[in-house]
Amino acid sequence: MALNSMTTTPPFTIRPATVTDLEALTDIWHVGWAGAHAAYVPDALIEQRTRDSFRTRFDDMLGATTAGVVDGQVVGFCCTKPDEIYQMYVGAAARGTGIAGALIAESERRLKAAGTTDAFLDVIVENARAIAFYRKQGWQDGSIETALLDTLSDPFPLELRRMCKTL
């Protein structure tokens, strides 16, 4: 007896982000950052992480941003820098749909296509949910180090866990 293989289409689309996505991307980043980081970082960093600061930072990141879309609405994104998964957020309503894994896989593909063989990402040490997700995607724990976070003014030092993956 032969088994019939059924192909299902995921309930989302992964595509390059566009200018028309900026407001939705900014909202996802602002809300997601607060939920994942505000309890663990100094007040001085929280004060710098306004919605406007995230929107302004997207001006330089849009070309390196992949969007996850459900029913025409942007629900998540992943940004890259050379050798790095730089930012990754999925709105609460879209978690558990597989979109996060698809976003990271597409971003890894983009890094590899650009010639990256050894990639890294930084995650807040206390963010166990994110660390578990990245491990499930094949990322390995690296060192804990002080990173200089991008802000609209001076870089902000914060201890982060570096995770690594050979692409």
N, C-alpha and C. Protein backbone atom coordinates (compact mmCIF):
# COMPACT_ATOMS: atom_id res chain seq x y z
N MET A 1 0.84 -1.17 0.00
CA MET A 1 0.00 0.00 0.00
C MET A 1 0.90 1.25 0.00
N ALA A 2 0.70 2.13 -0.94
CA ALA A 2 1.48 3.35 -1.05
C ALA A 2 0.86 4.45 -0.19
N LEU A 3 1.73 5.21 0.42
CA LEU A 3 1.25 6.34 1.20
C LEU A 3 1.16 7.56 0.31
N ASN A 4 0.10 8.28 0.44
CA ASN A 4 -0.04 9.54 -0.29
C ASN A 4 0.65 10.63 0.51
N SER A 5 1.50 11.40 -0.15
CA SER A 5 2.11 12.52 0.56
C SER A 5 1.27 13.76 0.30
N MET A 6 0.99 14.43 1.36
CA MET A 6 0.21 15.66 1.27
C MET A 6 1.15 16.83 1.52
N THR A 7 1.08 17.83 0.70
CA THR A 7 1.88 19.02 0.91
C THR A 7 0.96 20.09 1.47
N THR A 8 1.39 20.66 2.56
CA THR A 8 0.59 21.73 3.13
C THR A 8 1.36 23.03 3.02
N THR A 9 0.65 24.07 2.83
CA THR A 9 1.25 25.39 2.77
C THR A 9 1.22 25.98 4.16
N PRO A 10 2.35 26.53 4.63
CA PRO A 10 2.32 27.13 5.96
C PRO A 10 1.34 28.30 6.00
N PRO A 11 0.84 28.61 7.19
CA PRO A 11 -0.15 29.70 7.30
C PRO A 11 0.48 31.08 7.27
N PHE A 12 1.70 31.18 6.73
CA PHE A 12 2.40 32.46 6.71
C PHE A 12 3.27 32.55 5.47
N THR A 13 3.77 33.76 5.23
CA THR A 13 4.69 34.03 4.13
C THR A 13 5.94 34.68 4.71
N ILE A 14 7.09 34.32 4.18
CA ILE A 14 8.36 34.94 4.56
C ILE A 14 8.83 35.71 3.34
N ARG A 15 9.13 37.00 3.52
CA ARG A 15 9.54 37.84 2.40
C ARG A 15 10.40 38.99 2.89
N PRO A 16 11.10 39.67 1.97
CA PRO A 16 11.86 40.86 2.38
C PRO A 16 10.90 41.93 2.92
N ALA A 17 11.32 42.61 3.96
CA ALA A 17 10.52 43.70 4.51
C ALA A 17 10.55 44.89 3.54
N THR A 18 9.49 45.68 3.57
CA THR A 18 9.39 46.86 2.71
C THR A 18 9.08 48.09 3.56
N VAL A 19 9.18 49.24 2.94
CA VAL A 19 8.89 50.51 3.62
C VAL A 19 7.47 50.51 4.19
N THR A 20 6.54 49.90 3.49
CA THR A 20 5.16 49.88 3.99
C THR A 20 5.00 49.03 5.25
N ASP A 21 6.01 48.23 5.59
CA ASP A 21 5.98 47.40 6.80
C ASP A 21 6.51 48.12 8.03
N LEU A 22 7.10 49.29 7.87
CA LEU A 22 7.86 49.92 8.95
C LEU A 22 7.07 50.10 10.24
N GLU A 23 5.85 50.55 10.18
CA GLU A 23 5.10 50.78 11.42
C GLU A 23 4.81 49.47 12.14
N ALA A 24 4.42 48.44 11.41
CA ALA A 24 4.16 47.14 12.03
C ALA A 24 5.45 46.55 12.59
N LEU A 25 6.55 46.64 11.85
CA LEU A 25 7.84 46.16 12.34
C LEU A 25 8.23 46.87 13.63
N THR A 26 8.06 48.18 13.65
CA THR A 26 8.41 48.96 14.83
C THR A 26 7.58 48.55 16.03
N ASP A 27 6.29 48.36 15.84
CA ASP A 27 5.43 47.93 16.94
C ASP A 27 5.85 46.57 17.49
N ILE A 28 6.12 45.63 16.60
CA ILE A 28 6.54 44.28 17.02
C ILE A 28 7.84 44.37 17.82
N TRP A 29 8.79 45.14 17.33
CA TRP A 29 10.08 45.26 18.01
C TRP A 29 9.92 45.92 19.37
N HIS A 30 9.18 47.02 19.43
CA HIS A 30 9.00 47.76 20.67
C HIS A 30 8.33 46.90 21.74
N VAL A 31 7.23 46.26 21.40
CA VAL A 31 6.51 45.42 22.35
C VAL A 31 7.34 44.18 22.71
N GLY A 32 7.93 43.55 21.70
CA GLY A 32 8.72 42.34 21.93
C GLY A 32 9.95 42.60 22.77
N TRP A 33 10.62 43.71 22.50
CA TRP A 33 11.81 44.04 23.28
C TRP A 33 11.44 44.24 24.75
N ALA A 34 10.40 44.99 25.01
CA ALA A 34 9.99 45.24 26.40
C ALA A 34 9.64 43.93 27.10
N GLY A 35 8.92 43.05 26.43
CA GLY A 35 8.53 41.79 27.03
C GLY A 35 9.70 40.87 27.32
N ALA A 36 10.72 40.91 26.49
CA ALA A 36 11.85 40.00 26.64
C ALA A 36 12.99 40.57 27.47
N HIS A 37 13.05 41.89 27.61
CA HIS A 37 14.24 42.49 28.21
C HIS A 37 14.02 43.40 29.41
N ALA A 38 12.89 44.09 29.46
CA ALA A 38 12.72 45.16 30.46
C ALA A 38 12.93 44.71 31.90
N ALA A 39 12.60 43.49 32.22
CA ALA A 39 12.77 43.00 33.60
C ALA A 39 14.23 42.74 33.95
N TYR A 40 15.11 42.72 32.96
CA TYR A 40 16.49 42.28 33.19
C TYR A 40 17.56 43.33 32.91
N VAL A 41 17.18 44.46 32.37
CA VAL A 41 18.19 45.45 31.97
C VAL A 41 18.08 46.70 32.83
N PRO A 42 19.15 47.49 32.88
CA PRO A 42 19.11 48.72 33.66
C PRO A 42 18.08 49.72 33.13
N ASP A 43 17.56 50.53 34.04
CA ASP A 43 16.59 51.57 33.67
C ASP A 43 17.15 52.51 32.60
N ALA A 44 18.45 52.75 32.63
CA ALA A 44 19.07 53.65 31.65
C ALA A 44 18.90 53.13 30.23
N LEU A 45 18.90 51.82 30.04
CA LEU A 45 18.66 51.26 28.70
C LEU A 45 17.17 51.31 28.37
N ILE A 46 16.33 50.98 29.32
CA ILE A 46 14.88 51.04 29.08
C ILE A 46 14.46 52.43 28.62
N GLU A 47 15.03 53.45 29.23
CA GLU A 47 14.71 54.84 28.86
C GLU A 47 15.06 55.14 27.41
N GLN A 48 16.07 54.45 26.87
CA GLN A 48 16.48 54.68 25.48
C GLN A 48 15.68 53.87 24.48
N ARG A 49 14.97 52.85 24.94
CA ARG A 49 14.26 51.95 24.05
C ARG A 49 12.81 52.39 23.87
N THR A 50 12.65 53.57 23.33
CA THR A 50 11.31 54.10 23.02
C THR A 50 10.86 53.59 21.65
N ARG A 51 9.57 53.69 21.39
CA ARG A 51 9.07 53.30 20.08
C ARG A 51 9.78 54.09 18.99
N ASP A 52 9.95 55.40 19.19
CA ASP A 52 10.62 56.24 18.19
C ASP A 52 12.07 55.79 17.95
N SER A 53 12.75 55.33 19.00
CA SER A 53 14.13 54.88 18.80
C SER A 53 14.18 53.64 17.93
N PHE A 54 13.22 52.72 18.13
CA PHE A 54 13.18 51.53 17.28
C PHE A 54 12.86 51.92 15.83
N ARG A 55 11.92 52.84 15.66
CA ARG A 55 11.54 53.27 14.31
C ARG A 55 12.74 53.91 13.59
N THR A 56 13.46 54.76 14.28
CA THR A 56 14.63 55.42 13.69
C THR A 56 15.70 54.40 13.31
N ARG A 57 15.93 53.42 14.16
CA ARG A 57 16.96 52.41 13.87
C ARG A 57 16.58 51.56 12.66
N PHE A 58 15.30 51.39 12.39
CA PHE A 58 14.88 50.61 11.22
C PHE A 58 15.29 51.28 9.91
N ASP A 59 15.49 52.58 9.90
CA ASP A 59 15.89 53.25 8.66
C ASP A 59 17.15 52.64 8.07
N ASP A 60 18.07 52.21 8.94
CA ASP A 60 19.32 51.60 8.46
C ASP A 60 19.24 50.09 8.32
N MET A 61 18.20 49.47 8.86
CA MET A 61 18.13 48.01 8.90
C MET A 61 17.16 47.40 7.89
N LEU A 62 16.33 48.18 7.29
CA LEU A 62 15.24 47.64 6.48
C LEU A 62 15.72 46.70 5.38
N GLY A 63 16.80 47.03 4.71
CA GLY A 63 17.30 46.19 3.62
C GLY A 63 17.81 44.83 4.07
N ALA A 64 18.07 44.69 5.35
CA ALA A 64 18.57 43.43 5.90
C ALA A 64 17.51 42.75 6.77
N THR A 65 16.25 43.10 6.53
CA THR A 65 15.15 42.59 7.35
C THR A 65 14.24 41.68 6.54
N THR A 66 13.94 40.54 7.12
CA THR A 66 12.98 39.59 6.55
C THR A 66 11.72 39.66 7.39
N ALA A 67 10.57 39.74 6.74
CA ALA A 67 9.29 39.84 7.44
C ALA A 67 8.52 38.53 7.36
N GLY A 68 7.80 38.24 8.43
CA GLY A 68 6.86 37.12 8.45
C GLY A 68 5.47 37.69 8.41
N VAL A 69 4.64 37.20 7.50
CA VAL A 69 3.33 37.79 7.24
C VAL A 69 2.24 36.72 7.34
N VAL A 70 1.16 37.05 8.03
CA VAL A 70 -0.02 36.19 8.12
C VAL A 70 -1.22 37.02 7.69
N ASP A 71 -1.96 36.52 6.72
CA ASP A 71 -3.16 37.22 6.23
C ASP A 71 -2.90 38.69 5.93
N GLY A 72 -1.75 38.96 5.31
CA GLY A 72 -1.42 40.33 4.91
C GLY A 72 -0.86 41.20 6.01
N GLN A 73 -0.74 40.69 7.23
CA GLN A 73 -0.24 41.47 8.36
C GLN A 73 1.15 40.98 8.76
N VAL A 74 2.07 41.91 8.93
CA VAL A 74 3.41 41.55 9.42
C VAL A 74 3.28 41.17 10.89
N VAL A 75 3.79 39.97 11.22
CA VAL A 75 3.67 39.46 12.60
C VAL A 75 5.03 39.13 13.21
N GLY A 76 6.10 39.26 12.42
CA GLY A 76 7.43 38.97 12.94
C GLY A 76 8.49 39.42 11.96
N PHE A 77 9.74 39.43 12.44
CA PHE A 77 10.84 39.82 11.56
C PHE A 77 12.16 39.29 12.10
N CYS A 78 13.13 39.26 11.21
CA CYS A 78 14.50 38.92 11.56
C CYS A 78 15.43 39.82 10.74
N CYS A 79 16.39 40.46 11.41
CA CYS A 79 17.37 41.32 10.76
C CYS A 79 18.75 40.69 10.87
N THR A 80 19.54 40.90 9.85
CA THR A 80 20.92 40.40 9.87
C THR A 80 21.90 41.54 9.69
N LYS A 81 23.09 41.29 10.18
CA LYS A 81 24.27 42.09 9.90
C LYS A 81 25.29 41.08 9.39
N PRO A 82 26.41 41.51 8.83
CA PRO A 82 27.40 40.53 8.41
C PRO A 82 27.75 39.58 9.56
N ASP A 83 27.61 38.30 9.32
CA ASP A 83 27.94 37.24 10.28
C ASP A 83 26.99 37.16 11.47
N GLU A 84 25.89 37.90 11.49
CA GLU A 84 25.08 38.00 12.71
C GLU A 84 23.58 37.99 12.43
N ILE A 85 22.86 37.22 13.25
CA ILE A 85 21.42 37.40 13.36
C ILE A 85 21.27 38.53 14.37
N TYR A 86 20.84 39.69 13.93
CA TYR A 86 20.91 40.90 14.75
C TYR A 86 19.67 41.12 15.61
N GLN A 87 18.51 41.00 15.05
CA GLN A 87 17.26 41.17 15.80
C GLN A 87 16.27 40.13 15.30
N MET A 88 15.48 39.58 16.22
CA MET A 88 14.49 38.56 15.85
C MET A 88 13.33 38.67 16.82
N TYR A 89 12.15 38.97 16.29
CA TYR A 89 10.95 39.11 17.12
C TYR A 89 9.74 38.58 16.38
N VAL A 90 8.86 37.92 17.11
CA VAL A 90 7.58 37.46 16.59
C VAL A 90 6.50 37.90 17.58
N GLY A 91 5.44 38.51 17.07
CA GLY A 91 4.35 38.93 17.93
C GLY A 91 3.73 37.75 18.66
N ALA A 92 3.20 38.01 19.84
CA ALA A 92 2.67 36.94 20.70
C ALA A 92 1.62 36.09 20.00
N ALA A 93 0.76 36.68 19.20
CA ALA A 93 -0.31 35.93 18.53
C ALA A 93 0.21 34.95 17.49
N ALA A 94 1.42 35.17 16.99
CA ALA A 94 1.97 34.30 15.94
C ALA A 94 2.95 33.27 16.49
N ARG A 95 3.21 33.29 17.78
CA ARG A 95 4.14 32.31 18.35
C ARG A 95 3.51 30.93 18.30
N GLY A 96 4.35 29.94 18.03
CA GLY A 96 3.86 28.58 17.94
C GLY A 96 3.36 28.18 16.57
N THR A 97 3.43 29.08 15.59
CA THR A 97 2.95 28.79 14.24
C THR A 97 4.04 28.26 13.32
N GLY A 98 5.29 28.29 13.78
CA GLY A 98 6.42 27.91 12.94
C GLY A 98 7.07 29.09 12.25
N ILE A 99 6.49 30.26 12.39
CA ILE A 99 7.02 31.43 11.68
C ILE A 99 8.40 31.82 12.18
N ALA A 100 8.66 31.67 13.48
CA ALA A 100 9.98 32.03 14.01
C ALA A 100 11.06 31.15 13.40
N GLY A 101 10.81 29.86 13.32
CA GLY A 101 11.78 28.96 12.71
C GLY A 101 12.01 29.28 11.24
N ALA A 102 10.93 29.64 10.54
CA ALA A 102 11.06 30.01 9.12
C ALA A 102 11.85 31.30 8.95
N LEU A 103 11.63 32.27 9.84
CA LEU A 103 12.37 33.53 9.77
C LEU A 103 13.86 33.30 10.01
N ILE A 104 14.19 32.51 11.01
CA ILE A 104 15.61 32.28 11.30
C ILE A 104 16.26 31.47 10.18
N ALA A 105 15.53 30.50 9.63
CA ALA A 105 16.08 29.69 8.53
C ALA A 105 16.36 30.57 7.30
N GLU A 106 15.44 31.47 6.98
CA GLU A 106 15.65 32.36 5.84
C GLU A 106 16.82 33.30 6.09
N SER A 107 16.94 33.79 7.30
CA SER A 107 18.05 34.69 7.63
C SER A 107 19.38 33.96 7.59
N GLU A 108 19.41 32.71 8.06
CA GLU A 108 20.62 31.90 7.95
C GLU A 108 20.97 31.68 6.48
N ARG A 109 19.96 31.41 5.66
CA ARG A 109 20.19 31.21 4.23
C ARG A 109 20.80 32.46 3.61
N ARG A 110 20.27 33.62 3.97
CA ARG A 110 20.78 34.88 3.44
C ARG A 110 22.23 35.12 3.87
N LEU A 111 22.53 34.83 5.12
CA LEU A 111 23.91 34.99 5.60
C LEU A 111 24.85 34.06 4.83
N LYS A 112 24.44 32.81 4.68
CA LYS A 112 25.27 31.84 3.97
C LYS A 112 25.48 32.27 2.52
N ALA A 113 24.42 32.74 1.87
CA ALA A 113 24.54 33.19 0.48
C ALA A 113 25.49 34.38 0.35
N ALA A 114 25.62 35.17 1.42
CA ALA A 114 26.53 36.31 1.41
C ALA A 114 27.96 35.92 1.78
N GLY A 115 28.18 34.62 2.03
CA GLY A 115 29.52 34.14 2.30
C GLY A 115 29.85 33.87 3.76
N THR A 116 28.88 34.03 4.64
CA THR A 116 29.11 33.75 6.06
C THR A 116 29.12 32.25 6.28
N THR A 117 30.13 31.76 6.98
CA THR A 117 30.16 30.34 7.34
C THR A 117 29.93 30.15 8.84
N ASP A 118 30.41 31.09 9.65
CA ASP A 118 30.23 31.02 11.09
C ASP A 118 29.46 32.25 11.55
N ALA A 119 28.21 32.03 11.97
CA ALA A 119 27.34 33.13 12.36
C ALA A 119 27.20 33.17 13.88
N PHE A 120 26.78 34.31 14.37
CA PHE A 120 26.52 34.45 15.80
C PHE A 120 25.28 35.29 16.02
N LEU A 121 24.77 35.21 17.23
CA LEU A 121 23.70 36.08 17.70
C LEU A 121 23.93 36.27 19.18
N ASP A 122 23.44 37.37 19.70
CA ASP A 122 23.54 37.65 21.13
C ASP A 122 22.14 37.64 21.72
N VAL A 123 22.02 37.07 22.91
CA VAL A 123 20.73 36.99 23.58
C VAL A 123 20.93 37.34 25.05
N ILE A 124 19.96 38.01 25.62
CA ILE A 124 20.06 38.37 27.02
C ILE A 124 20.17 37.09 27.86
N VAL A 125 21.06 37.08 28.80
CA VAL A 125 21.39 35.88 29.57
C VAL A 125 20.16 35.28 30.23
N GLU A 126 19.25 36.10 30.72
CA GLU A 126 18.07 35.62 31.44
C GLU A 126 16.91 35.18 30.53
N ASN A 127 17.05 35.33 29.23
CA ASN A 127 15.94 35.02 28.32
C ASN A 127 15.96 33.53 27.96
N ALA A 128 15.51 32.71 28.89
CA ALA A 128 15.55 31.25 28.72
C ALA A 128 14.71 30.79 27.53
N ARG A 129 13.59 31.44 27.27
CA ARG A 129 12.74 31.03 26.15
C ARG A 129 13.46 31.22 24.82
N ALA A 130 14.13 32.36 24.65
CA ALA A 130 14.87 32.60 23.40
C ALA A 130 16.05 31.64 23.28
N ILE A 131 16.77 31.43 24.36
CA ILE A 131 17.91 30.52 24.32
C ILE A 131 17.46 29.12 23.92
N ALA A 132 16.36 28.65 24.50
CA ALA A 132 15.83 27.32 24.15
C ALA A 132 15.43 27.27 22.68
N PHE A 133 14.79 28.32 22.17
CA PHE A 133 14.41 28.37 20.76
C PHE A 133 15.64 28.28 19.87
N TYR A 134 16.66 29.08 20.14
CA TYR A 134 17.86 29.07 19.30
C TYR A 134 18.57 27.72 19.36
N ARG A 135 18.63 27.12 20.53
CA ARG A 135 19.22 25.78 20.63
C ARG A 135 18.46 24.79 19.75
N LYS A 136 17.14 24.88 19.76
CA LYS A 136 16.31 23.98 18.93
C LYS A 136 16.61 24.20 17.44
N GLN A 137 17.02 25.39 17.07
CA GLN A 137 17.36 25.71 15.68
C GLN A 137 18.80 25.36 15.34
N GLY A 138 19.52 24.75 16.28
CA GLY A 138 20.88 24.31 16.02
C GLY A 138 21.98 25.26 16.46
N TRP A 139 21.63 26.32 17.16
CA TRP A 139 22.62 27.26 17.65
C TRP A 139 23.23 26.71 18.93
N GLN A 140 24.53 26.95 19.10
CA GLN A 140 25.27 26.45 20.25
C GLN A 140 25.61 27.60 21.20
N ASP A 141 25.58 27.28 22.49
CA ASP A 141 25.97 28.27 23.49
C ASP A 141 27.43 28.63 23.33
N GLY A 142 27.70 29.91 23.39
CA GLY A 142 29.07 30.39 23.40
C GLY A 142 29.32 31.09 24.72
N SER A 143 30.19 32.04 24.69
CA SER A 143 30.59 32.73 25.91
C SER A 143 29.56 33.77 26.34
N ILE A 144 29.69 34.18 27.57
CA ILE A 144 28.93 35.34 28.06
C ILE A 144 29.92 36.50 28.03
N GLU A 145 29.50 37.57 27.35
CA GLU A 145 30.42 38.70 27.18
C GLU A 145 29.67 40.01 27.20
N THR A 146 30.39 41.07 27.38
CA THR A 146 29.80 42.39 27.36
C THR A 146 29.76 42.87 25.91
N ALA A 147 28.55 43.11 25.45
CA ALA A 147 28.35 43.63 24.09
C ALA A 147 28.04 45.12 24.18
N LEU A 148 28.34 45.83 23.12
CA LEU A 148 28.00 47.25 23.04
C LEU A 148 26.76 47.38 22.16
N LEU A 149 25.63 47.61 22.81
CA LEU A 149 24.35 47.67 22.10
C LEU A 149 24.20 48.98 21.34
N ASP A 150 23.59 48.90 20.17
CA ASP A 150 23.28 50.09 19.39
C ASP A 150 22.18 50.88 20.08
N THR A 151 22.37 52.18 20.13
CA THR A 151 21.35 53.11 20.61
C THR A 151 21.40 54.32 19.67
N LEU A 152 20.55 55.27 19.91
CA LEU A 152 20.58 56.48 19.09
C LEU A 152 21.70 57.43 19.52
N SER A 153 22.30 57.15 20.67
CA SER A 153 23.43 57.97 21.12
C SER A 153 24.67 57.08 21.24
N ASP A 154 25.18 56.91 22.42
CA ASP A 154 26.40 56.12 22.61
C ASP A 154 26.07 54.63 22.76
N PRO A 155 26.99 53.75 22.35
CA PRO A 155 26.78 52.32 22.57
C PRO A 155 26.57 52.04 24.07
N PHE A 156 25.70 51.07 24.35
CA PHE A 156 25.35 50.75 25.73
C PHE A 156 25.91 49.37 26.07
N PRO A 157 26.80 49.26 27.06
CA PRO A 157 27.37 47.95 27.40
C PRO A 157 26.37 47.09 28.19
N LEU A 158 26.24 45.82 27.79
CA LEU A 158 25.34 44.90 28.48
C LEU A 158 25.88 43.48 28.33
N GLU A 159 25.83 42.72 29.40
CA GLU A 159 26.28 41.33 29.37
C GLU A 159 25.25 40.48 28.63
N LEU A 160 25.71 39.74 27.62
CA LEU A 160 24.85 38.90 26.79
C LEU A 160 25.48 37.54 26.57
N ARG A 161 24.64 36.56 26.25
CA ARG A 161 25.13 35.24 25.86
C ARG A 161 25.30 35.24 24.35
N ARG A 162 26.48 34.90 23.90
CA ARG A 162 26.74 34.75 22.46
C ARG A 162 26.42 33.31 22.09
N MET A 163 25.65 33.14 21.02
CA MET A 163 25.35 31.81 20.48
C MET A 163 25.92 31.76 19.07
N CYS A 164 26.36 30.57 18.66
CA CYS A 164 27.08 30.43 17.39
C CYS A 164 26.50 29.28 16.58
N LYS A 165 26.66 29.38 15.26
CA LYS A 165 26.23 28.31 14.37
C LYS A 165 27.07 28.33 13.11
N THR A 166 27.52 27.15 12.71
CA THR A 166 28.19 27.01 11.41
C THR A 166 27.11 26.78 10.38
N LEU A 167 27.11 27.63 9.35
CA LEU A 167 26.06 27.57 8.32
C LEU A 167 26.47 26.66 7.17
